[in-house]
Amino acid sequence: MTFKPRRWERIAWILTALNVVSVWVPAPVAPWHATTHAVLAVSFALWAQYLRRLGRKPVPDASTEERLSEPQARSDQFDALHDVQARVAELEERLDFVERALVDVRARTQLPPKA
């Protein structure tokens, strides 16, 4: 059975209310008993507030694990991108060479034939 902070928060607030009411019942007869109920009321109220904050925290699930593994996947993509950039640069150099070779061939065909 898992710990459910929302359920325990309700219980803590109920215990807080019971102890606040219980402060006035023994107050005239036994002040130490009333003080004990006041301390318990404050303690249960603080515990209820802690449980409220605890209940609002997101519970890790599969999507959280995926988001945590996402930076590693992006890092791998970045490495692959670097390789792609190097290959594109090499292809640009080859394309420039081919363009220069074609310009040379066209320049040679436009020259008048030697007589």
PDB file of N, CA and C in Angstrom:
ATOM      1  N   MET A   1       0.850  -1.174   0.000  1.00  0.00           N
ATOM      2  CA  MET A   1       0.000   0.000   0.000  1.00  0.00           C
ATOM      3  C   MET A   1       0.896   1.238   0.000  1.00  0.00           C
ATOM      4  N   THR A   2       0.592   2.168  -0.865  1.00  0.00           N
ATOM      5  CA  THR A   2       1.413   3.370  -0.982  1.00  0.00           C
ATOM      6  C   THR A   2       0.920   4.454  -0.023  1.00  0.00           C
ATOM      7  N   PHE A   3       1.830   5.317   0.348  1.00  0.00           N
ATOM      8  CA  PHE A   3       1.504   6.444   1.226  1.00  0.00           C
ATOM      9  C   PHE A   3       0.788   7.499   0.409  1.00  0.00           C
ATOM     10  N   LYS A   4      -0.398   7.897   0.853  1.00  0.00           N
ATOM     11  CA  LYS A   4      -1.206   8.877   0.128  1.00  0.00           C
ATOM     12  C   LYS A   4      -1.286  10.153   0.962  1.00  0.00           C
ATOM     13  N   PRO A   5      -0.491  11.156   0.612  1.00  0.00           N
ATOM     14  CA  PRO A   5      -0.450  12.372   1.423  1.00  0.00           C
ATOM     15  C   PRO A   5      -1.777  13.119   1.477  1.00  0.00           C
ATOM     16  N   ARG A   6      -2.579  13.060   0.421  1.00  0.00           N
ATOM     17  CA  ARG A   6      -3.859  13.786   0.421  1.00  0.00           C
ATOM     18  C   ARG A   6      -4.803  13.213   1.485  1.00  0.00           C
ATOM     19  N   ARG A   7      -4.833  11.902   1.626  1.00  0.00           N
ATOM     20  CA  ARG A   7      -5.686  11.274   2.630  1.00  0.00           C
ATOM     21  C   ARG A   7      -5.196  11.618   4.042  1.00  0.00           C
ATOM     22  N   TRP A   8      -3.896  11.544   4.266  1.00  0.00           N
ATOM     23  CA  TRP A   8      -3.342  11.842   5.585  1.00  0.00           C
ATOM     24  C   TRP A   8      -3.449  13.329   5.908  1.00  0.00           C
ATOM     25  N   GLU A   9      -3.466  14.158   4.888  1.00  0.00           N
ATOM     26  CA  GLU A   9      -3.653  15.597   5.136  1.00  0.00           C
ATOM     27  C   GLU A   9      -5.023  15.845   5.762  1.00  0.00           C
ATOM     28  N   ARG A  10      -6.049  15.197   5.236  1.00  0.00           N
ATOM     29  CA  ARG A  10      -7.398  15.343   5.803  1.00  0.00           C
ATOM     30  C   ARG A  10      -7.432  14.865   7.257  1.00  0.00           C
ATOM     31  N   ILE A  11      -6.792  13.738   7.514  1.00  0.00           N
ATOM     32  CA  ILE A  11      -6.757  13.203   8.877  1.00  0.00           C
ATOM     33  C   ILE A  11      -6.040  14.182   9.809  1.00  0.00           C
ATOM     34  N   ALA A  12      -4.941  14.755   9.330  1.00  0.00           N
ATOM     35  CA  ALA A  12      -4.199  15.710  10.158  1.00  0.00           C
ATOM     36  C   ALA A  12      -5.034  16.945  10.460  1.00  0.00           C
ATOM     37  N   TRP A  13      -5.816  17.436   9.500  1.00  0.00           N
ATOM     38  CA  TRP A  13      -6.666  18.605   9.752  1.00  0.00           C
ATOM     39  C   TRP A  13      -7.778  18.261  10.735  1.00  0.00           C
ATOM     40  N   ILE A  14      -8.317  17.062  10.649  1.00  0.00           N
ATOM     41  CA  ILE A  14      -9.348  16.643  11.610  1.00  0.00           C
ATOM     42  C   ILE A  14      -8.757  16.571  13.019  1.00  0.00           C
ATOM     43  N   LEU A  15      -7.570  15.992  13.141  1.00  0.00           N
ATOM     44  CA  LEU A  15      -6.914  15.918  14.451  1.00  0.00           C
ATOM     45  C   LEU A  15      -6.584  17.309  14.983  1.00  0.00           C
ATOM     46  N   THR A  16      -6.225  18.218  14.085  1.00  0.00           N
ATOM     47  CA  THR A  16      -5.969  19.603  14.497  1.00  0.00           C
ATOM     48  C   THR A  16      -7.235  20.224  15.076  1.00  0.00           C
ATOM     49  N   ALA A  17      -8.343  20.062  14.378  1.00  0.00           N
ATOM     50  CA  ALA A  17      -9.607  20.640  14.846  1.00  0.00           C
ATOM     51  C   ALA A  17     -10.031  20.041  16.183  1.00  0.00           C
ATOM     52  N   LEU A  18      -9.889  18.721  16.327  1.00  0.00           N
ATOM     53  CA  LEU A  18     -10.264  18.079  17.593  1.00  0.00           C
ATOM     54  C   LEU A  18      -9.414  18.601  18.755  1.00  0.00           C
ATOM     55  N   ASN A  19      -8.127  18.792  18.525  1.00  0.00           N
ATOM     56  CA  ASN A  19      -7.263  19.281  19.587  1.00  0.00           C
ATOM     57  C   ASN A  19      -7.512  20.751  19.898  1.00  0.00           C
ATOM     58  N   VAL A  20      -7.891  21.545  18.892  1.00  0.00           N
ATOM     59  CA  VAL A  20      -8.216  22.950  19.157  1.00  0.00           C
ATOM     60  C   VAL A  20      -9.463  23.027  20.035  1.00  0.00           C
ATOM     61  N   VAL A  21     -10.460  22.209  19.726  1.00  0.00           N
ATOM     62  CA  VAL A  21     -11.668  22.179  20.550  1.00  0.00           C
ATOM     63  C   VAL A  21     -11.338  21.661  21.949  1.00  0.00           C
ATOM     64  N   SER A  22     -10.446  20.690  22.017  1.00  0.00           N
ATOM     65  CA  SER A  22     -10.096  20.087  23.308  1.00  0.00           C
ATOM     66  C   SER A  22      -9.273  21.010  24.197  1.00  0.00           C
ATOM     67  N   VAL A  23      -8.789  22.116  23.682  1.00  0.00           N
ATOM     68  CA  VAL A  23      -8.031  23.052  24.516  1.00  0.00           C
ATOM     69  C   VAL A  23      -8.954  23.685  25.547  1.00  0.00           C
ATOM     70  N   TRP A  24     -10.193  24.023  25.183  1.00  0.00           N
ATOM     71  CA  TRP A  24     -11.082  24.756  26.088  1.00  0.00           C
ATOM     72  C   TRP A  24     -11.794  23.857  27.108  1.00  0.00           C
ATOM     73  N   VAL A  25     -11.902  22.581  26.827  1.00  0.00           N
ATOM     74  CA  VAL A  25     -12.611  21.701  27.753  1.00  0.00           C
ATOM     75  C   VAL A  25     -11.855  21.562  29.080  1.00  0.00           C
ATOM     76  N   PRO A  26     -10.547  21.176  29.078  1.00  0.00           N
ATOM     77  CA  PRO A  26      -9.866  21.023  30.371  1.00  0.00           C
ATOM     78  C   PRO A  26      -9.162  22.290  30.853  1.00  0.00           C
ATOM     79  N   ALA A  27      -9.289  23.402  30.132  1.00  0.00           N
ATOM     80  CA  ALA A  27      -8.534  24.610  30.464  1.00  0.00           C
ATOM     81  C   ALA A  27      -8.760  25.097  31.890  1.00  0.00           C
ATOM     82  N   PRO A  28      -9.979  25.190  32.393  1.00  0.00           N
ATOM     83  CA  PRO A  28     -10.143  25.697  33.760  1.00  0.00           C
ATOM     84  C   PRO A  28      -9.632  24.733  34.826  1.00  0.00           C
ATOM     85  N   VAL A  29      -9.696  23.430  34.552  1.00  0.00           N
ATOM     86  CA  VAL A  29      -9.334  22.438  35.569  1.00  0.00           C
ATOM     87  C   VAL A  29      -7.850  22.085  35.519  1.00  0.00           C
ATOM     88  N   ALA A  30      -7.337  21.775  34.298  1.00  0.00           N
ATOM     89  CA  ALA A  30      -5.949  21.318  34.158  1.00  0.00           C
ATOM     90  C   ALA A  30      -5.272  22.103  33.037  1.00  0.00           C
ATOM     91  N   PRO A  31      -4.560  23.178  33.379  1.00  0.00           N
ATOM     92  CA  PRO A  31      -3.933  23.980  32.328  1.00  0.00           C
ATOM     93  C   PRO A  31      -2.852  23.223  31.550  1.00  0.00           C
ATOM     94  N   TRP A  32      -2.146  22.305  32.194  1.00  0.00           N
ATOM     95  CA  TRP A  32      -1.124  21.550  31.464  1.00  0.00           C
ATOM     96  C   TRP A  32      -1.759  20.628  30.429  1.00  0.00           C
ATOM     97  N   HIS A  33      -2.895  20.090  30.766  1.00  0.00           N
ATOM     98  CA  HIS A  33      -3.617  19.233  29.819  1.00  0.00           C
ATOM     99  C   HIS A  33      -4.081  20.058  28.615  1.00  0.00           C
ATOM    100  N   ALA A  34      -4.539  21.264  28.853  1.00  0.00           N
ATOM    101  CA  ALA A  34      -4.965  22.151  27.763  1.00  0.00           C
ATOM    102  C   ALA A  34      -3.769  22.563  26.913  1.00  0.00           C
ATOM    103  N   THR A  35      -2.642  22.796  27.576  1.00  0.00           N
ATOM    104  CA  THR A  35      -1.426  23.167  26.839  1.00  0.00           C
ATOM    105  C   THR A  35      -0.978  22.020  25.936  1.00  0.00           C
ATOM    106  N   THR A  36      -1.099  20.805  26.430  1.00  0.00           N
ATOM    107  CA  THR A  36      -0.732  19.639  25.618  1.00  0.00           C
ATOM    108  C   THR A  36      -1.611  19.564  24.369  1.00  0.00           C
ATOM    109  N   HIS A  37      -2.905  19.825  24.530  1.00  0.00           N
ATOM    110  CA  HIS A  37      -3.794  19.811  23.366  1.00  0.00           C
ATOM    111  C   HIS A  37      -3.436  20.940  22.384  1.00  0.00           C
ATOM    112  N   ALA A  38      -3.031  22.085  22.891  1.00  0.00           N
ATOM    113  CA  ALA A  38      -2.639  23.197  22.017  1.00  0.00           C
ATOM    114  C   ALA A  38      -1.377  22.844  21.220  1.00  0.00           C
ATOM    115  N   VAL A  39      -0.421  22.227  21.905  1.00  0.00           N
ATOM    116  CA  VAL A  39       0.810  21.812  21.212  1.00  0.00           C
ATOM    117  C   VAL A  39       0.497  20.762  20.159  1.00  0.00           C
ATOM    118  N   LEU A  40      -0.376  19.821  20.493  1.00  0.00           N
ATOM    119  CA  LEU A  40      -0.769  18.804  19.509  1.00  0.00           C
ATOM    120  C   LEU A  40      -1.489  19.432  18.325  1.00  0.00           C
ATOM    121  N   ALA A  41      -2.334  20.417  18.567  1.00  0.00           N
ATOM    122  CA  ALA A  41      -3.047  21.083  17.475  1.00  0.00           C
ATOM    123  C   ALA A  41      -2.075  21.768  16.525  1.00  0.00           C
ATOM    124  N   VAL A  42      -1.100  22.471  17.084  1.00  0.00           N
ATOM    125  CA  VAL A  42      -0.098  23.135  16.240  1.00  0.00           C
ATOM    126  C   VAL A  42       0.714  22.100  15.471  1.00  0.00           C
ATOM    127  N   SER A  43       1.089  21.012  16.140  1.00  0.00           N
ATOM    128  CA  SER A  43       1.892  19.966  15.471  1.00  0.00           C
ATOM    129  C   SER A  43       1.126  19.345  14.308  1.00  0.00           C
ATOM    130  N   PHE A  44      -0.151  19.011  14.555  1.00  0.00           N
ATOM    131  CA  PHE A  44      -0.947  18.409  13.480  1.00  0.00           C
ATOM    132  C   PHE A  44      -1.177  19.399  12.333  1.00  0.00           C
ATOM    133  N   ALA A  45      -1.323  20.676  12.647  1.00  0.00           N
ATOM    134  CA  ALA A  45      -1.504  21.680  11.590  1.00  0.00           C
ATOM    135  C   ALA A  45      -0.242  21.792  10.732  1.00  0.00           C
ATOM    136  N   LEU A  46       0.924  21.788  11.373  1.00  0.00           N
ATOM    137  CA  LEU A  46       2.184  21.843  10.611  1.00  0.00           C
ATOM    138  C   LEU A  46       2.353  20.594   9.756  1.00  0.00           C
ATOM    139  N   TRP A  47       1.976  19.450  10.322  1.00  0.00           N
ATOM    140  CA  TRP A  47       2.073  18.202   9.569  1.00  0.00           C
ATOM    141  C   TRP A  47       1.131  18.230   8.367  1.00  0.00           C
ATOM    142  N   ALA A  48      -0.060  18.765   8.542  1.00  0.00           N
ATOM    143  CA  ALA A  48      -1.025  18.860   7.438  1.00  0.00           C
ATOM    144  C   ALA A  48      -0.486  19.762   6.328  1.00  0.00           C
ATOM    145  N   GLN A  49       0.146  20.861   6.701  1.00  0.00           N
ATOM    146  CA  GLN A  49       0.726  21.741   5.683  1.00  0.00           C
ATOM    147  C   GLN A  49       1.867  21.053   4.952  1.00  0.00           C
ATOM    148  N   TYR A  50       2.675  20.298   5.678  1.00  0.00           N
ATOM    149  CA  TYR A  50       3.759  19.542   5.035  1.00  0.00           C
ATOM    150  C   TYR A  50       3.183  18.519   4.057  1.00  0.00           C
ATOM    151  N   LEU A  51       2.126  17.836   4.487  1.00  0.00           N
ATOM    152  CA  LEU A  51       1.508  16.845   3.596  1.00  0.00           C
ATOM    153  C   LEU A  51       0.899  17.500   2.369  1.00  0.00           C
ATOM    154  N   ARG A  52       0.369  18.702   2.520  1.00  0.00           N
ATOM    155  CA  ARG A  52      -0.189  19.418   1.363  1.00  0.00           C
ATOM    156  C   ARG A  52       0.904  19.692   0.333  1.00  0.00           C
ATOM    157  N   ARG A  53       2.069  20.160   0.816  1.00  0.00           N
ATOM    158  CA  ARG A  53       3.183  20.406  -0.112  1.00  0.00           C
ATOM    159  C   ARG A  53       3.695  19.106  -0.712  1.00  0.00           C
ATOM    160  N   LEU A  54       3.719  18.060   0.088  1.00  0.00           N
ATOM    161  CA  LEU A  54       4.180  16.758  -0.391  1.00  0.00           C
ATOM    162  C   LEU A  54       3.230  16.200  -1.452  1.00  0.00           C
ATOM    163  N   GLY A  55       1.934  16.406  -1.278  1.00  0.00           N
ATOM    164  CA  GLY A  55       0.944  15.913  -2.228  1.00  0.00           C
ATOM    165  C   GLY A  55       0.974  16.644  -3.549  1.00  0.00           C
ATOM    166  N   ARG A  56       1.497  17.855  -3.561  1.00  0.00           N
ATOM    167  CA  ARG A  56       1.556  18.632  -4.806  1.00  0.00           C
ATOM    168  C   ARG A  56       2.779  18.321  -5.636  1.00  0.00           C
ATOM    169  N   LYS A  57       3.768  17.657  -5.060  1.00  0.00           N
ATOM    170  CA  LYS A  57       4.958  17.318  -5.836  1.00  0.00           C
ATOM    171  C   LYS A  57       4.583  16.288  -6.891  1.00  0.00           C
ATOM    172  N   PRO A  58       5.110  16.463  -8.103  1.00  0.00           N
ATOM    173  CA  PRO A  58       4.776  15.491  -9.149  1.00  0.00           C
ATOM    174  C   PRO A  58       5.404  14.130  -8.852  1.00  0.00           C
ATOM    175  N   VAL A  59       4.643  13.108  -9.118  1.00  0.00           N
ATOM    176  CA  VAL A  59       5.126  11.748  -8.931  1.00  0.00           C
ATOM    177  C   VAL A  59       5.865  11.333 -10.193  1.00  0.00           C
ATOM    178  N   PRO A  60       7.093  10.825 -10.046  1.00  0.00           N
ATOM    179  CA  PRO A  60       7.815  10.409 -11.250  1.00  0.00           C
ATOM    180  C   PRO A  60       7.074   9.286 -11.965  1.00  0.00           C
ATOM    181  N   ASP A  61       6.966   9.443 -13.268  1.00  0.00           N
ATOM    182  CA  ASP A  61       6.321   8.425 -14.068  1.00  0.00           C
ATOM    183  C   ASP A  61       7.154   8.188 -15.316  1.00  0.00           C
ATOM    184  N   ALA A  62       6.595   7.470 -16.247  1.00  0.00           N
ATOM    185  CA  ALA A  62       7.344   7.132 -17.464  1.00  0.00           C
ATOM    186  C   ALA A  62       7.706   8.385 -18.252  1.00  0.00           C
ATOM    187  N   SER A  63       6.807   9.363 -18.288  1.00  0.00           N
ATOM    188  CA  SER A  63       7.108  10.569 -19.057  1.00  0.00           C
ATOM    189  C   SER A  63       8.258  11.350 -18.420  1.00  0.00           C
ATOM    190  N   THR A  64       8.373  11.319 -17.091  1.00  0.00           N
ATOM    191  CA  THR A  64       9.492  11.984 -16.420  1.00  0.00           C
ATOM    192  C   THR A  64      10.798  11.298 -16.790  1.00  0.00           C
ATOM    193  N   GLU A  65      10.793   9.979 -16.810  1.00  0.00           N
ATOM    194  CA  GLU A  65      11.997   9.247 -17.194  1.00  0.00           C
ATOM    195  C   GLU A  65      12.387   9.569 -18.634  1.00  0.00           C
ATOM    196  N   GLU A  66      11.394   9.699 -19.498  1.00  0.00           N
ATOM    197  CA  GLU A  66      11.681  10.047 -20.885  1.00  0.00           C
ATOM    198  C   GLU A  66      12.292  11.436 -20.965  1.00  0.00           C
ATOM    199  N   ARG A  67      11.746  12.378 -20.174  1.00  0.00           N
ATOM    200  CA  ARG A  67      12.286  13.740 -20.190  1.00  0.00           C
ATOM    201  C   ARG A  67      13.693  13.783 -19.620  1.00  0.00           C
ATOM    202  N   LEU A  68      13.988  12.911 -18.661  1.00  0.00           N
ATOM    203  CA  LEU A  68      15.340  12.881 -18.106  1.00  0.00           C
ATOM    204  C   LEU A  68      16.336  12.286 -19.096  1.00  0.00           C
ATOM    205  N   SER A  69      15.878  11.365 -19.935  1.00  0.00           N
ATOM    206  CA  SER A  69      16.778  10.771 -20.928  1.00  0.00           C
ATOM    207  C   SER A  69      16.883  11.640 -22.179  1.00  0.00           C
ATOM    208  N   GLU A  70      16.024  12.654 -22.289  1.00  0.00           N
ATOM    209  CA  GLU A  70      16.017  13.519 -23.463  1.00  0.00           C
ATOM    210  C   GLU A  70      17.341  14.266 -23.685  1.00  0.00           C
ATOM    211  N   PRO A  71      17.981  14.815 -22.649  1.00  0.00           N
ATOM    212  CA  PRO A  71      19.263  15.507 -22.906  1.00  0.00           C
ATOM    213  C   PRO A  71      20.316  14.597 -23.530  1.00  0.00           C
ATOM    214  N   GLN A  72      20.356  13.336 -23.105  1.00  0.00           N
ATOM    215  CA  GLN A  72      21.328  12.410 -23.691  1.00  0.00           C
ATOM    216  C   GLN A  72      21.001  12.184 -25.162  1.00  0.00           C
ATOM    217  N   ALA A  73      19.733  12.037 -25.487  1.00  0.00           N
ATOM    218  CA  ALA A  73      19.338  11.841 -26.883  1.00  0.00           C
ATOM    219  C   ALA A  73      19.689  13.076 -27.707  1.00  0.00           C
ATOM    220  N   ARG A  74      19.461  14.260 -27.139  1.00  0.00           N
ATOM    221  CA  ARG A  74      19.811  15.496 -27.861  1.00  0.00           C
ATOM    222  C   ARG A  74      21.317  15.606 -28.047  1.00  0.00           C
ATOM    223  N   SER A  75      22.068  15.155 -27.068  1.00  0.00           N
ATOM    224  CA  SER A  75      23.524  15.174 -27.197  1.00  0.00           C
ATOM    225  C   SER A  75      23.960  14.261 -28.336  1.00  0.00           C
ATOM    226  N   ASP A  76      23.342  13.090 -28.427  1.00  0.00           N
ATOM    227  CA  ASP A  76      23.656  12.175 -29.534  1.00  0.00           C
ATOM    228  C   ASP A  76      23.283  12.805 -30.873  1.00  0.00           C
ATOM    229  N   GLN A  77      22.147  13.496 -30.921  1.00  0.00           N
ATOM    230  CA  GLN A  77      21.743  14.171 -32.156  1.00  0.00           C
ATOM    231  C   GLN A  77      22.727  15.282 -32.510  1.00  0.00           C
ATOM    232  N   PHE A  78      23.232  15.973 -31.500  1.00  0.00           N
ATOM    233  CA  PHE A  78      24.200  17.038 -31.747  1.00  0.00           C
ATOM    234  C   PHE A  78      25.487  16.471 -32.341  1.00  0.00           C
ATOM    235  N   ASP A  79      25.935  15.327 -31.807  1.00  0.00           N
ATOM    236  CA  ASP A  79      27.124  14.673 -32.369  1.00  0.00           C
ATOM    237  C   ASP A  79      26.875  14.258 -33.817  1.00  0.00           C
ATOM    238  N   ALA A  80      25.696  13.723 -34.091  1.00  0.00           N
ATOM    239  CA  ALA A  80      25.364  13.332 -35.458  1.00  0.00           C
ATOM    240  C   ALA A  80      25.298  14.561 -36.358  1.00  0.00           C
ATOM    241  N   LEU A  81      24.807  15.675 -35.838  1.00  0.00           N
ATOM    242  CA  LEU A  81      24.743  16.908 -36.609  1.00  0.00           C
ATOM    243  C   LEU A  81      26.136  17.392 -36.981  1.00  0.00           C
ATOM    244  N   HIS A  82      27.081  17.255 -36.070  1.00  0.00           N
ATOM    245  CA  HIS A  82      28.462  17.654 -36.362  1.00  0.00           C
ATOM    246  C   HIS A  82      29.020  16.822 -37.519  1.00  0.00           C
ATOM    247  N   ASP A  83      28.734  15.509 -37.504  1.00  0.00           N
ATOM    248  CA  ASP A  83      29.186  14.647 -38.601  1.00  0.00           C
ATOM    249  C   ASP A  83      28.529  15.062 -39.910  1.00  0.00           C
ATOM    250  N   VAL A  84      27.259  15.395 -39.871  1.00  0.00           N
ATOM    251  CA  VAL A  84      26.545  15.815 -41.081  1.00  0.00           C
ATOM    252  C   VAL A  84      27.132  17.125 -41.606  1.00  0.00           C
ATOM    253  N   GLN A  85      27.465  18.044 -40.728  1.00  0.00           N
ATOM    254  CA  GLN A  85      28.059  19.309 -41.154  1.00  0.00           C
ATOM    255  C   GLN A  85      29.402  19.075 -41.843  1.00  0.00           C
ATOM    256  N   ALA A  86      30.191  18.152 -41.322  1.00  0.00           N
ATOM    257  CA  ALA A  86      31.480  17.847 -41.952  1.00  0.00           C
ATOM    258  C   ALA A  86      31.265  17.248 -43.342  1.00  0.00           C
ATOM    259  N   ARG A  87      30.281  16.369 -43.470  1.00  0.00           N
ATOM    260  CA  ARG A  87      30.012  15.765 -44.780  1.00  0.00           C
ATOM    261  C   ARG A  87      29.490  16.803 -45.769  1.00  0.00           C
ATOM    262  N   VAL A  88      28.655  17.739 -45.304  1.00  0.00           N
ATOM    263  CA  VAL A  88      28.137  18.784 -46.188  1.00  0.00           C
ATOM    264  C   VAL A  88      29.285  19.683 -46.655  1.00  0.00           C
ATOM    265  N   ALA A  89      30.212  20.000 -45.755  1.00  0.00           N
ATOM    266  CA  ALA A  89      31.355  20.824 -46.144  1.00  0.00           C
ATOM    267  C   ALA A  89      32.188  20.112 -47.216  1.00  0.00           C
ATOM    268  N   GLU A  90      32.373  18.802 -47.053  1.00  0.00           N
ATOM    269  CA  GLU A  90      33.126  18.040 -48.057  1.00  0.00           C
ATOM    270  C   GLU A  90      32.382  18.031 -49.390  1.00  0.00           C
ATOM    271  N   LEU A  91      31.072  17.865 -49.357  1.00  0.00           N
ATOM    272  CA  LEU A  91      30.284  17.883 -50.591  1.00  0.00           C
ATOM    273  C   LEU A  91      30.335  19.249 -51.268  1.00  0.00           C
ATOM    274  N   GLU A  92      30.361  20.328 -50.479  1.00  0.00           N
ATOM    275  CA  GLU A  92      30.473  21.667 -51.059  1.00  0.00           C
ATOM    276  C   GLU A  92      31.804  21.830 -51.788  1.00  0.00           C
ATOM    277  N   GLU A  93      32.870  21.314 -51.188  1.00  0.00           N
ATOM    278  CA  GLU A  93      34.174  21.394 -51.856  1.00  0.00           C
ATOM    279  C   GLU A  93      34.156  20.620 -53.171  1.00  0.00           C
ATOM    280  N   ARG A  94      33.561  19.445 -53.158  1.00  0.00           N
ATOM    281  CA  ARG A  94      33.502  18.649 -54.393  1.00  0.00           C
ATOM    282  C   ARG A  94      32.654  19.342 -55.449  1.00  0.00           C
ATOM    283  N   LEU A  95      31.541  19.952 -55.024  1.00  0.00           N
ATOM    284  CA  LEU A  95      30.685  20.664 -55.961  1.00  0.00           C
ATOM    285  C   LEU A  95      31.432  21.851 -56.579  1.00  0.00           C
ATOM    286  N   ASP A  96      32.177  22.584 -55.764  1.00  0.00           N
ATOM    287  CA  ASP A  96      32.977  23.693 -56.285  1.00  0.00           C
ATOM    288  C   ASP A  96      33.983  23.198 -57.319  1.00  0.00           C
ATOM    289  N   PHE A  97      34.625  22.059 -57.031  1.00  0.00           N
ATOM    290  CA  PHE A  97      35.593  21.499 -57.980  1.00  0.00           C
ATOM    291  C   PHE A  97      34.919  21.150 -59.299  1.00  0.00           C
ATOM    292  N   VAL A  98      33.740  20.517 -59.206  1.00  0.00           N
ATOM    293  CA  VAL A  98      33.024  20.130 -60.428  1.00  0.00           C
ATOM    294  C   VAL A  98      32.607  21.372 -61.210  1.00  0.00           C
ATOM    295  N   GLU A  99      32.138  22.414 -60.541  1.00  0.00           N
ATOM    296  CA  GLU A  99      31.750  23.651 -61.219  1.00  0.00           C
ATOM    297  C   GLU A  99      32.946  24.274 -61.933  1.00  0.00           C
ATOM    298  N   ARG A 100      34.095  24.309 -61.259  1.00  0.00           N
ATOM    299  CA  ARG A 100      35.293  24.870 -61.920  1.00  0.00           C
ATOM    300  C   ARG A 100      35.700  24.032 -63.133  1.00  0.00           C
ATOM    301  N   ALA A 101      35.575  22.713 -63.004  1.00  0.00           N
ATOM    302  CA  ALA A 101      35.920  21.844 -64.132  1.00  0.00           C
ATOM    303  C   ALA A 101      34.965  22.091 -65.297  1.00  0.00           C
ATOM    304  N   LEU A 102      33.677  22.265 -65.023  1.00  0.00           N
ATOM    305  CA  LEU A 102      32.718  22.543 -66.091  1.00  0.00           C
ATOM    306  C   LEU A 102      32.986  23.895 -66.743  1.00  0.00           C
ATOM    307  N   VAL A 103      33.356  24.886 -65.953  1.00  0.00           N
ATOM    308  CA  VAL A 103      33.680  26.202 -66.520  1.00  0.00           C
ATOM    309  C   VAL A 103      34.889  26.077 -67.442  1.00  0.00           C
ATOM    310  N   ASP A 104      35.900  25.314 -67.027  1.00  0.00           N
ATOM    311  CA  ASP A 104      37.075  25.116 -67.882  1.00  0.00           C
ATOM    312  C   ASP A 104      36.702  24.422 -69.185  1.00  0.00           C
ATOM    313  N   VAL A 105      35.845  23.411 -69.113  1.00  0.00           N
ATOM    314  CA  VAL A 105      35.437  22.686 -70.325  1.00  0.00           C
ATOM    315  C   VAL A 105      34.669  23.624 -71.248  1.00  0.00           C
ATOM    316  N   ARG A 106      33.778  24.434 -70.744  1.00  0.00           N
ATOM    317  CA  ARG A 106      33.016  25.363 -71.582  1.00  0.00           C
ATOM    318  C   ARG A 106      33.940  26.426 -72.178  1.00  0.00           C
ATOM    319  N   ALA A 107      34.913  26.876 -71.415  1.00  0.00           N
ATOM    320  CA  ALA A 107      35.832  27.871 -71.926  1.00  0.00           C
ATOM    321  C   ALA A 107      36.654  27.281 -73.075  1.00  0.00           C
ATOM    322  N   ARG A 108      37.041  26.047 -72.974  1.00  0.00           N
ATOM    323  CA  ARG A 108      37.818  25.418 -74.039  1.00  0.00           C
ATOM    324  C   ARG A 108      36.978  25.217 -75.308  1.00  0.00           C
ATOM    325  N   THR A 109      35.699  24.887 -75.168  1.00  0.00           N
ATOM    326  CA  THR A 109      34.869  24.656 -76.361  1.00  0.00           C
ATOM    327  C   THR A 109      34.531  25.981 -77.046  1.00  0.00           C
ATOM    328  N   GLN A 110      34.591  27.108 -76.379  1.00  0.00           N
ATOM    329  CA  GLN A 110      34.266  28.387 -76.984  1.00  0.00           C
ATOM    330  C   GLN A 110      35.465  28.985 -77.725  1.00  0.00           C
ATOM    331  N   LEU A 111      36.650  28.495 -77.471  1.00  0.00           N
ATOM    332  CA  LEU A 111      37.811  29.013 -78.185  1.00  0.00           C
ATOM    333  C   LEU A 111      37.721  28.583 -79.649  1.00  0.00           C
ATOM    334  N   PRO A 112      38.158  29.462 -80.533  1.00  0.00           N
ATOM    335  CA  PRO A 112      38.143  29.080 -81.952  1.00  0.00           C
ATOM    336  C   PRO A 112      39.147  27.946 -82.184  1.00  0.00           C
ATOM    337  N   PRO A 113      38.820  27.083 -83.100  1.00  0.00           N
ATOM    338  CA  PRO A 113      39.757  25.992 -83.371  1.00  0.00           C
ATOM    339  C   PRO A 113      41.070  26.496 -83.908  1.00  0.00           C
ATOM    340  N   LYS A 114      42.116  25.816 -83.555  1.00  0.00           N
ATOM    341  CA  LYS A 114      43.452  26.216 -84.043  1.00  0.00           C
ATOM    342  C   LYS A 114      43.556  25.874 -85.527  1.00  0.00           C
ATOM    343  N   ALA A 115      44.069  26.792 -86.253  1.00  0.00           N
ATOM    344  CA  ALA A 115      44.190  26.563 -87.684  1.00  0.00           C
ATOM    345  C   ALA A 115      45.567  26.189 -88.114  1.00  0.00           C
TER     346      ALA A 115
END
